[in-house]
Amino acid sequence: MVETITRRRALRIMAAGAGLPLVLSGTQAFSHPEPLVWRGHALGAPTTLILSHPDRDHAEGLVRQVIAEVSRLEDIFSLYRPASALCELNRAGALAFPPQELVDLLTVCHSVWEETDGLFDPTVQPLWKLYAEYFSRGDANPSGPDRSVLESARELVGLQHVSFNAHRIALSKRGMGVTLNGIAQGYITDRIVALLRGGGVESSLVDMGEVRAIGAKPDGAPWKVGISENQSDTDIDHSVFVINKAVATSSSNGLHFDQARNWGHIISPQGVSTVQRYRRMTVIAPDATRADALSTAFTLMETAAIQKVLAQHPDIEADWAPSNRAN
């Protein structure tokens, strides 16, 4: 049986004690005795926004804007909202006059797909669906689906079979499907950061499924982001310090299709099985969208291939923990 999805990435935030203070232009950091807290979900991941600021009305207005923007973007990217633009694309195989955000995100997907030799591929949805349905059966063989069935699903994978522009997105093969779960949380994080900056925020640590720092902490120090393999972990595996950077972590251990925990949810588009080379993969980048995508792709890549990509992007860093097991 597939485990309940809670959060694919696990980041433990350690900043400013109990909250994440947002500092507006021309103000000083202020610890409100009752901080304004919003908790929700974005694409299946829990999100938190804690505003400690003397201007309560302004903070409440920002939270309302954040809630509306997250909901609007989920209406585009979510696989769990049947009326979303992405679900409509997967049902019909084409989408006329798609939302610009969907076109923009597919453009980034294509760029990362090329940089990673196709290992970051949002068209793995048929394989993901196959594994999920297979291991939901009571009589599922722990060795996985039949190879011929896997190969049939594999034939439906390949971003080269997706055409897109501002007028139309089309999947060239019947049965294809797109998932943006390996990048959309980062994109939503970036959009929320842009919204908050537009509202005058100069210092914050934003967690919308991925983490991105706005500036430094109010005292000028970097934000400290503690990383653990799973959200329930009590021990921090590693910590990074960031200013105006995003942090994304992927781990196959975040979700397994099977109870024996042999089949992780991050699926290689070039093979017929999931791969566990690393216990966790962390990427630090200027934006959360690319950090999110690369942390997903790097999980499937040899270290030499990761270093090749990093050599082309001196502003991006990666940190990983080797796996104790492999499929």
Protein backbone atom coordinates (compact mmCIF):
# COMPACT_ATOMS: atom_id res chain seq x y z
CA MET A 1 0.00 0.00 0.00
CA VAL A 2 1.25 3.47 -0.83
CA GLU A 3 2.11 5.57 2.21
CA THR A 4 0.03 8.65 2.91
CA ILE A 5 1.63 11.63 1.22
CA THR A 6 2.58 14.27 3.73
CA ARG A 7 5.67 16.01 2.40
CA ARG A 8 8.18 14.93 -0.21
CA ARG A 9 10.88 17.18 1.17
CA ALA A 10 11.75 17.70 4.79
CA LEU A 11 13.29 20.96 5.89
CA ARG A 12 13.53 21.87 9.52
CA ILE A 13 13.54 25.62 9.94
CA MET A 14 15.50 27.15 12.81
CA ALA A 15 15.07 30.91 12.69
CA ALA A 16 14.18 33.65 15.14
CA GLY A 17 12.98 31.39 17.90
CA ALA A 18 9.29 30.61 17.58
CA GLY A 19 8.50 32.58 14.43
CA LEU A 20 9.63 33.98 11.13
CA PRO A 21 9.47 37.78 11.49
CA LEU A 22 8.73 39.80 8.38
CA VAL A 23 10.40 43.19 8.40
CA LEU A 24 8.80 45.90 6.27
CA SER A 25 10.66 48.79 4.68
CA GLY A 26 11.47 51.53 7.17
CA THR A 27 10.61 49.47 10.25
CA GLN A 28 12.51 47.55 12.89
CA ALA A 29 12.11 43.89 13.78
CA PHE A 30 9.29 43.56 16.28
CA SER A 31 8.22 40.59 18.32
CA HIS A 32 4.45 40.64 18.58
CA PRO A 33 3.09 38.78 21.63
CA GLU A 34 0.55 37.06 19.39
CA PRO A 35 2.15 36.54 15.96
CA LEU A 36 -0.14 36.11 13.01
CA VAL A 37 0.16 32.48 11.92
CA TRP A 38 -1.15 30.89 8.74
CA ARG A 39 -0.81 27.17 8.10
CA GLY A 40 -2.01 25.54 4.95
CA HIS A 41 -0.97 23.24 2.13
CA ALA A 42 0.51 23.73 -1.31
CA LEU A 43 0.53 20.73 -3.65
CA GLY A 44 0.22 18.34 -0.73
CA ALA A 45 2.98 19.91 1.36
CA PRO A 46 2.31 21.73 4.64
CA THR A 47 3.14 25.41 4.54
CA THR A 48 3.64 27.96 7.30
CA LEU A 49 3.74 31.72 7.36
CA ILE A 50 4.28 33.51 10.68
CA LEU A 51 4.14 37.30 10.66
CA SER A 52 5.39 39.23 13.66
CA HIS A 53 4.94 42.92 12.95
CA PRO A 54 3.49 45.94 14.73
CA ASP A 55 1.24 46.77 11.77
CA ARG A 56 -1.32 44.02 12.30
CA ASP A 57 -3.62 45.16 9.52
CA HIS A 58 -0.81 45.13 6.99
CA ALA A 59 0.28 41.66 8.11
CA GLU A 60 -3.27 40.33 7.82
CA GLY A 61 -3.52 41.82 4.35
CA LEU A 62 -0.32 40.06 3.30
CA VAL A 63 -1.60 36.74 4.62
CA ARG A 64 -4.84 37.13 2.66
CA GLN A 65 -2.82 37.81 -0.48
CA VAL A 66 -0.65 34.76 0.16
CA ILE A 67 -3.68 32.50 0.67
CA ALA A 68 -5.30 33.76 -2.53
CA GLU A 69 -2.11 33.36 -4.56
CA VAL A 70 -1.43 29.83 -3.32
CA SER A 71 -4.98 28.81 -4.16
CA ARG A 72 -4.78 30.41 -7.60
CA LEU A 73 -1.54 28.60 -8.41
CA GLU A 74 -2.91 25.29 -7.15
CA ASP A 75 -5.77 25.75 -9.61
CA ILE A 76 -3.07 25.62 -12.28
CA PHE A 77 -0.53 23.04 -11.03
CA SER A 78 -2.33 20.64 -8.69
CA LEU A 79 -2.94 16.99 -9.55
CA TYR A 80 -5.42 16.85 -6.66
CA ARG A 81 -7.81 19.47 -7.99
CA PRO A 82 -9.76 17.89 -10.88
CA ALA A 83 -10.50 21.29 -12.41
CA SER A 84 -6.87 22.43 -12.45
CA ALA A 85 -5.23 23.36 -15.72
CA LEU A 86 -2.75 20.49 -15.31
CA CYS A 87 -5.50 17.91 -14.74
CA GLU A 88 -7.32 19.20 -17.81
CA LEU A 89 -4.13 18.87 -19.86
CA ASN A 90 -3.64 15.29 -18.69
CA ARG A 91 -7.28 14.37 -19.38
CA ALA A 92 -7.54 15.91 -22.82
CA GLY A 93 -3.94 15.63 -23.96
CA ALA A 94 -3.99 19.29 -24.98
CA LEU A 95 -4.80 22.68 -23.49
CA ALA A 96 -5.68 25.75 -25.52
CA PHE A 97 -4.65 29.19 -24.25
CA PRO A 98 -2.95 27.79 -21.13
CA PRO A 99 -2.18 29.96 -18.10
CA GLN A 100 1.08 31.83 -18.60
CA GLU A 101 2.40 30.37 -15.33
CA LEU A 102 2.07 26.87 -16.76
CA VAL A 103 3.95 27.84 -19.91
CA ASP A 104 6.64 29.56 -17.85
CA LEU A 105 7.10 26.52 -15.63
CA LEU A 106 7.29 24.13 -18.59
CA THR A 107 9.97 26.40 -20.05
CA VAL A 108 12.07 25.97 -16.90
CA CYS A 109 11.33 22.23 -16.95
CA HIS A 110 12.68 22.01 -20.50
CA SER A 111 15.84 23.88 -19.51
CA VAL A 112 16.55 21.58 -16.56
CA TRP A 113 15.60 18.54 -18.65
CA GLU A 114 18.31 19.47 -21.13
CA GLU A 115 20.90 20.24 -18.43
CA THR A 116 20.33 16.88 -16.72
CA ASP A 117 20.28 14.76 -19.89
CA GLY A 118 16.59 14.08 -19.47
CA LEU A 119 16.68 12.88 -15.86
CA PHE A 120 14.43 15.72 -14.76
CA ASP A 121 11.30 14.91 -16.72
CA PRO A 122 7.80 16.00 -15.65
CA THR A 123 6.21 13.41 -17.97
CA VAL A 124 7.00 10.53 -15.55
CA GLN A 125 3.40 10.67 -14.33
CA PRO A 126 2.40 7.41 -16.12
CA LEU A 127 5.21 5.58 -14.29
CA TRP A 128 4.28 7.22 -10.97
CA LYS A 129 0.64 6.22 -11.46
CA LEU A 130 1.64 2.67 -12.38
CA TYR A 131 3.72 2.20 -9.23
CA ALA A 132 1.07 3.77 -7.02
CA GLU A 133 -1.74 1.61 -8.39
CA TYR A 134 0.37 -1.55 -8.44
CA PHE A 135 1.49 -1.36 -4.81
CA SER A 136 -2.01 -0.42 -3.67
CA ARG A 137 -3.09 -3.97 -4.56
CA GLY A 138 -3.14 -6.48 -1.76
CA ASP A 139 -1.44 -9.12 -3.90
CA ALA A 140 1.34 -6.90 -5.28
CA ASN A 141 4.62 -8.72 -5.87
CA PRO A 142 7.30 -6.93 -3.80
CA SER A 143 9.69 -7.16 -6.75
CA GLY A 144 7.56 -4.63 -8.61
CA PRO A 145 5.38 -4.54 -11.73
CA ASP A 146 6.02 -6.81 -14.70
CA ARG A 147 8.79 -5.51 -16.95
CA SER A 148 6.56 -5.44 -20.03
CA VAL A 149 4.02 -3.27 -18.21
CA LEU A 150 6.78 -0.94 -17.06
CA GLU A 151 8.14 -0.67 -20.59
CA SER A 152 4.69 0.22 -21.90
CA ALA A 153 4.45 3.03 -19.37
CA ARG A 154 8.01 4.08 -20.16
CA GLU A 155 7.00 4.60 -23.81
CA LEU A 156 4.72 7.40 -22.62
CA VAL A 157 7.58 9.29 -20.94
CA GLY A 158 9.65 12.00 -22.60
CA LEU A 159 9.48 15.78 -22.50
CA GLN A 160 10.39 15.81 -26.19
CA HIS A 161 6.83 14.60 -26.79
CA VAL A 162 5.35 17.79 -25.27
CA SER A 163 4.93 20.93 -27.36
CA PHE A 164 4.00 24.20 -25.71
CA ASN A 165 3.68 27.89 -26.33
CA ALA A 166 1.40 30.71 -25.23
CA HIS A 167 -1.41 29.39 -27.45
CA ARG A 168 -1.38 25.65 -26.81
CA ILE A 169 0.17 22.79 -24.85
CA ALA A 170 -0.08 19.34 -26.42
CA LEU A 171 0.98 15.81 -25.42
CA SER A 172 1.79 13.86 -28.58
CA LYS A 173 0.95 10.37 -27.22
CA ARG A 174 -2.38 9.18 -25.85
CA GLY A 175 -1.98 8.22 -22.19
CA MET A 176 0.82 10.67 -21.44
CA GLY A 177 0.64 12.71 -18.27
CA VAL A 178 2.54 15.55 -16.64
CA THR A 179 3.38 16.02 -12.97
CA LEU A 180 4.95 19.22 -11.68
CA ASN A 181 5.41 17.99 -8.12
CA GLY A 182 9.18 18.10 -8.59
CA ILE A 183 9.25 21.82 -9.33
CA ALA A 184 5.93 23.56 -8.65
CA GLN A 185 6.44 23.96 -4.90
CA GLY A 186 9.60 25.88 -5.66
CA TYR A 187 7.74 28.01 -8.18
CA ILE A 188 4.99 28.79 -5.68
CA THR A 189 7.64 29.72 -3.11
CA ASP A 190 9.19 32.16 -5.58
CA ARG A 191 5.81 33.71 -6.34
CA ILE A 192 5.08 34.22 -2.65
CA VAL A 193 8.51 35.79 -2.17
CA ALA A 194 7.75 38.19 -5.03
CA LEU A 195 4.38 39.02 -3.46
CA LEU A 196 5.93 39.73 -0.06
CA ARG A 197 8.70 41.84 -1.54
CA GLY A 198 6.05 43.79 -3.41
CA GLY A 199 4.40 44.38 -0.04
CA GLY A 200 7.59 45.90 1.34
CA VAL A 201 9.05 42.86 3.08
CA GLU A 202 12.84 43.04 3.36
CA SER A 203 13.61 40.17 5.74
CA SER A 204 11.87 36.82 5.94
CA LEU A 205 12.28 33.08 5.59
CA VAL A 206 9.42 31.71 3.51
CA ASP A 207 8.38 28.04 3.59
CA MET A 208 5.87 27.12 0.87
CA GLY A 209 7.00 23.53 0.50
CA GLU A 210 10.47 24.81 -0.35
CA VAL A 211 12.38 27.49 1.53
CA ARG A 212 13.65 30.84 0.31
CA ALA A 213 15.20 33.68 2.27
CA ILE A 214 14.32 37.30 1.66
CA GLY A 215 17.45 39.21 2.61
CA ALA A 216 19.21 38.43 5.87
CA LYS A 217 17.76 38.13 9.36
CA PRO A 218 16.77 41.45 10.95
CA ASP A 219 20.12 41.55 12.78
CA GLY A 220 22.02 41.10 9.50
CA ALA A 221 23.01 37.48 10.10
CA PRO A 222 22.25 34.73 7.57
CA TRP A 223 19.20 32.56 8.04
CA LYS A 224 19.96 29.09 9.38
CA VAL A 225 18.13 26.24 7.66
CA GLY A 226 18.43 22.83 9.30
CA ILE A 227 17.91 19.84 7.01
CA SER A 228 16.65 16.41 7.97
CA GLU A 229 15.91 13.39 5.84
CA ASN A 230 12.26 13.21 6.84
CA GLN A 231 9.89 15.73 8.35
CA SER A 232 9.39 13.60 11.46
CA ASP A 233 13.13 13.39 12.17
CA THR A 234 14.20 14.95 15.46
CA ASP A 235 17.88 15.13 14.52
CA ILE A 236 19.22 17.68 12.05
CA ASP A 237 21.34 16.05 9.39
CA HIS A 238 22.96 19.26 8.19
CA SER A 239 22.56 23.03 8.39
CA VAL A 240 23.10 25.72 5.78
CA PHE A 241 23.20 29.51 6.10
CA VAL A 242 21.55 31.62 3.42
CA ILE A 243 20.88 35.22 2.45
CA ASN A 244 18.64 35.81 -0.58
CA LYS A 245 18.91 32.14 -1.49
CA ALA A 246 16.56 29.18 -1.76
CA VAL A 247 17.03 25.72 -0.27
CA ALA A 248 15.34 22.57 -1.62
CA THR A 249 15.80 19.03 -0.39
CA SER A 250 14.63 15.81 -2.05
CA SER A 251 14.71 12.31 -0.61
CA SER A 252 13.35 9.04 -1.92
CA ASN A 253 12.81 8.15 1.73
CA GLY A 254 10.14 10.84 1.95
CA LEU A 255 7.58 8.50 0.37
CA HIS A 256 7.63 4.84 -0.62
CA PHE A 257 5.12 3.01 -2.73
CA ASP A 258 5.56 -0.24 -0.80
CA GLN A 259 5.49 -1.12 2.88
CA ALA A 260 8.97 -2.68 2.67
CA ARG A 261 10.25 0.79 1.65
CA ASN A 262 12.15 -0.53 -1.36
CA TRP A 263 10.44 1.58 -3.98
CA GLY A 264 10.85 5.33 -3.53
CA HIS A 265 8.66 7.90 -5.23
CA ILE A 266 11.38 9.69 -7.23
CA ILE A 267 11.31 7.79 -10.50
CA SER A 268 13.94 7.70 -13.22
CA PRO A 269 12.46 8.42 -16.66
CA GLN A 270 15.29 6.45 -18.28
CA GLY A 271 14.79 3.19 -16.41
CA VAL A 272 12.17 0.83 -15.11
CA SER A 273 12.77 1.26 -11.39
CA THR A 274 13.24 3.88 -8.77
CA VAL A 275 16.77 4.65 -7.64
CA GLN A 276 18.14 5.44 -4.18
CA ARG A 277 21.67 6.79 -4.53
CA TYR A 278 21.32 9.33 -1.73
CA ARG A 279 19.49 9.54 1.58
CA ARG A 280 18.84 13.17 0.77
CA MET A 281 19.87 15.73 -1.81
CA THR A 282 19.95 19.45 -0.99
CA VAL A 283 20.38 22.26 -3.51
CA ILE A 284 20.98 25.92 -2.70
CA ALA A 285 20.21 28.32 -5.54
CA PRO A 286 19.14 31.93 -6.15
CA ASP A 287 15.55 30.81 -6.77
CA ALA A 288 13.42 28.01 -5.36
CA THR A 289 12.08 26.86 -8.74
CA ARG A 290 15.45 25.73 -10.03
CA ALA A 291 16.56 24.50 -6.60
CA ASP A 292 13.46 22.31 -6.45
CA ALA A 293 13.96 20.85 -9.94
CA LEU A 294 17.67 20.19 -9.49
CA SER A 295 17.25 18.55 -6.09
CA THR A 296 14.83 16.13 -7.77
CA ALA A 297 17.10 15.43 -10.74
CA PHE A 298 20.31 15.17 -8.71
CA THR A 299 18.71 12.40 -6.64
CA LEU A 300 18.87 10.26 -9.79
CA MET A 301 22.34 11.27 -10.96
CA GLU A 302 25.89 10.04 -10.36
CA THR A 303 28.08 12.50 -8.49
CA ALA A 304 30.22 13.19 -11.56
CA ALA A 305 27.11 14.22 -13.52
CA ILE A 306 26.01 16.46 -10.65
CA GLN A 307 29.39 18.17 -10.58
CA LYS A 308 29.16 18.75 -14.34
CA VAL A 309 25.89 20.62 -13.94
CA LEU A 310 27.19 22.60 -10.97
CA ALA A 311 30.27 23.65 -12.94
CA GLN A 312 27.94 25.47 -15.36
CA HIS A 313 26.20 27.33 -12.49
CA PRO A 314 28.68 28.81 -9.98
CA ASP A 315 25.77 30.36 -8.05
CA ILE A 316 24.28 26.93 -7.27
CA GLU A 317 25.51 24.52 -4.59
CA ALA A 318 24.57 20.97 -3.67
CA ASP A 319 24.99 18.92 -0.52
CA TRP A 320 24.04 15.27 -0.21
CA ALA A 321 24.13 12.26 2.09
CA PRO A 322 24.91 8.89 0.45
CA SER A 323 22.31 6.17 0.71
CA ASN A 324 22.81 3.12 2.87
CA ARG A 325 20.84 1.06 0.40
CA ALA A 326 20.03 0.84 -3.28
CA ASN A 327 17.24 -0.67 -5.33
